[in-house]
């Protein structure tokens, strides 16, 4: 038999950003506990609104699976006499297991014949199991922040007001301190807050919708998407679907209702970025655009109620937005009267980090680092890099960014253009903040790339230099994000640059601020970069052992490391790869450490060592040229040509000869082979199974 299990945790309003993960985590917790407790199940679906997190489990088994427990007892020879009669050890073992002696069996083991007790533990009813495990499941749902309330000792994201837990209509009885489970839930907090009982999921859905609660976020999403297009069409426009806003309003509402509002056309003189930010970030409104993508003087607000007086609610939204846009226009006009260089001077009063100095000091450091990077990359745009780096933080002290912080960089670009700055300089002011998150766009030009790398590296080195190092849960300066941003800019733009040189220069520029030895900082930062780079490559589908092999050889040039990973990944799919990897492993198995002598051909005694040396010399120049040109596919095929000579060498040559000179010479020859392989990867890290 199977059952329908339904759980609802009713709470005060949960932050919208917490709910998608809460649903996933609840599903995983249920699966884990069902499997642990031998309960088979069918489909698990989770739902949420701001005031409830729910789970539906279909085809949950009515009983646990029976458990067969096998317990080993004494050896047969001490448990029974030669006639098979039970002795004291057998009798005692049977009694301890609650069995008769006749129920014991004898099994062969690696240690000989032993007596075993086989017990079948009948599974408990699912209801009995659930009432035991549900309290822990609920309290184990992870959230970024939790709280305690009243005099209770339990913690949850928000105070729990009720719990529904039913199994095919039966209440699963348990409690979280003074909060008891039941079959009673509640309607919409404002429109129909009355309680009612439910006996199944279908009953729950019907009654909650009657009380203005749409529990399924996918259904709320479709409602909003359909209605938002209808509302925008009323003014011949289209909704501007800003990333993340739709998901946020889905989880801000239990019963979404849309209202079309408008604002004065005079505000359209503000930059579109300002209008969008005011509507989206501050009010969670959807802007409306025309066919050309220009902002129209309209917006759509998503409400959590069906208002009795729609015009009153509409006027309220319009009044709030008007005040916000009036502030924006004031700050915009004020900012346009100030020269950006004056703001640069004001950065001297802005503390970036107590120990790392002001924003002005930080700017001077990463400007110098950016100019250094441009020289390494042979990008001859020093004047523009200098100017863009000087101005890129200026808007932090502008009135507009003070009021709308997410417009940093955006306003800097706008103000720079209005001040007549070069367009590449203006673009870099905005783009040096890119990428802002995983999957975000990159700067479009090299100036933005270079300043982005320099600014982020200064932050990373500075934080490591004063002991602010990310932990499992803490990363206040976003160092993981900054590291991934640097890696992505370098590998996606194909920049050939030494990571170590950038770190060394950054350490030199920040020397008076750091509190730890430079060597320690550099080592830890390189490990940090390696870890992020490894994770990024694995997430892109490359096998962990292959990535580890490449990074173990060298990753100072990140783009070069990527090319080696890609070439090896292609090679791995060919029949030449396995012999190549095996050949290297044979070399490394005997070559525990680098030889300290040069190869002396006059000491060769066997034809096979002469042949291997000759083959190495024959391909060496071509191989090195291919490596220098990053033609790793061709270089790998060239290495594969050594496979036969390496095998012949091992089959006919005694490497560890008694004569020390002969032995060291042969090790030096193998070291020469290894040094070719490790130009690409440490093949000993790569699986050949």
Foldseek 3Di string as FASTA:
>chain_A
DFWKKKKKWFFAFFQLVFPVLLQVLLVVLVVVLCVVQQWDWDDKGWWAARTMTMIITTGTDQWHAKDKDKDWFAAPPQQADPVRHGDPRLCVVQVVVVHDSVQWDWDQDPVGITIMHIDIGTTDGPLVSCQVCVVVSQLPRDGLDWDDDDPAPGIDSGDTDAMEIAIQQHGSWHARVPHTYHQKDAEDPPQGGDIDGARHVVRVCVVRVVRQFRGHLVVLLVVCVVVQQVLLVVVQWGWDDPPPLSSSVSRNARHKDKDKAFEDPVLLVDPPVLLCLLCCVPPSWTFIAHPVRRTDRMIMHIDRDDDPDRVVVRVVSHVVSHVSSVQLVVLVVVQLVDDLVVLLVVQQVAAPDPLQHTPNLLLVLLLVLLLVVCVQQVPPPNVLLNLLSSRLQSCCPGSNCVSRVVCRLVVSLVSCVVVPHDNVSSQLSNQLCPPVAPPRDHRPDPSNLSSVLSSLLLVLLLCVLAPNDDDPSDDPPCNLRSLVRNLCSCQVVVGFGFQLVSLVSSCVSRVVRGDDDSVVSSVVVVVSSLVSLLVVVVVVPQDSLLLQFLVVLPCRGVNLSVLLSVLLVVVVVDPLNLLLLVLLVVLCVVLVDAQPDAADLVLDDDPLLVVLLVLCVVCVVVLVVCLVVSVNNVNSVSLSVSSVSSVVCVVPPDLCDPPPVSNSNSNNSSNSNNVSVSSRTNSVSHDSD
